Amino acid sequence: MMIAMEIKAVVDRIENGYAILKPEGYVMEICIPANTTDKKYSRGENITLSINGDDENNG
């Protein structure tokens, strides 16, 4: 079975080359590279992370 999840987040800050994200409804931080070949993230930017996976290997 395929699992899909969307996380809406805002870029809280840029630290050591990483964008630190604060997701809506979660008490955690997510970090992603701040500069990629396709995108340069900046503070205050709203983004949506799409996560797709397969639950067959989850026990």
Protein backbone atom coordinates (compact mmCIF):
# COMPACT_ATOMS: atom_id res chain seq x y z
CA MET A 1 0.00 0.00 0.00
CA MET A 2 1.29 3.47 -0.88
CA ILE A 3 1.30 6.14 1.84
CA ALA A 4 1.25 9.86 1.02
CA MET A 5 1.59 12.77 3.41
CA GLU A 6 1.71 16.55 2.97
CA ILE A 7 3.32 18.84 5.53
CA LYS A 8 2.81 22.59 5.31
CA ALA A 9 5.65 24.58 6.86
CA VAL A 10 7.28 27.99 7.00
CA VAL A 11 11.02 28.65 6.77
CA ASP A 12 11.84 29.85 10.29
CA ARG A 13 15.53 30.58 9.69
CA ILE A 14 18.61 29.71 7.65
CA GLU A 15 21.42 28.04 9.64
CA ASN A 16 24.70 26.59 8.37
CA GLY A 17 23.37 26.21 4.82
CA TYR A 18 20.07 24.63 5.88
CA ALA A 19 16.53 26.01 5.89
CA ILE A 20 14.96 25.23 9.27
CA LEU A 21 11.24 24.61 8.81
CA LYS A 22 8.47 24.91 11.40
CA PRO A 23 5.60 22.65 10.27
CA GLU A 24 1.99 23.59 11.00
CA GLY A 25 0.46 21.40 13.70
CA TYR A 26 3.72 19.66 14.68
CA VAL A 27 6.09 20.37 17.57
CA MET A 28 9.32 19.75 15.67
CA GLU A 29 11.71 21.28 13.19
CA ILE A 30 12.68 19.94 9.79
CA CYS A 31 15.87 20.95 8.02
CA ILE A 32 16.49 20.85 4.29
CA PRO A 33 19.32 22.31 2.19
CA ALA A 34 18.70 26.06 1.80
CA ASN A 35 20.18 26.18 -1.70
CA THR A 36 19.58 23.55 -4.36
CA THR A 37 20.08 23.65 -8.11
CA ASP A 38 16.34 24.36 -8.48
CA LYS A 39 15.53 26.57 -5.49
CA LYS A 40 16.91 28.97 -2.89
CA TYR A 41 14.77 29.10 0.25
CA SER A 42 14.40 32.27 2.32
CA ARG A 43 13.09 33.12 5.79
CA GLY A 44 9.31 33.45 6.02
CA GLU A 45 8.63 31.42 2.87
CA ASN A 46 5.71 28.97 3.00
CA ILE A 47 6.35 25.55 1.51
CA THR A 48 4.60 22.19 1.28
CA LEU A 49 6.57 18.95 1.64
CA SER A 50 5.10 15.90 -0.10
CA ILE A 51 6.21 12.57 1.32
CA ASN A 52 5.40 9.32 -0.45
CA GLY A 53 6.29 5.89 0.85
CA ASP A 54 5.50 2.22 0.83
CA ASP A 55 4.37 0.67 4.12
CA GLU A 56 5.32 -2.91 3.15
CA ASN A 57 8.66 -2.62 4.98
CA ASN A 58 7.22 -1.17 8.20
CA GLY A 59 6.68 -4.44 10.04
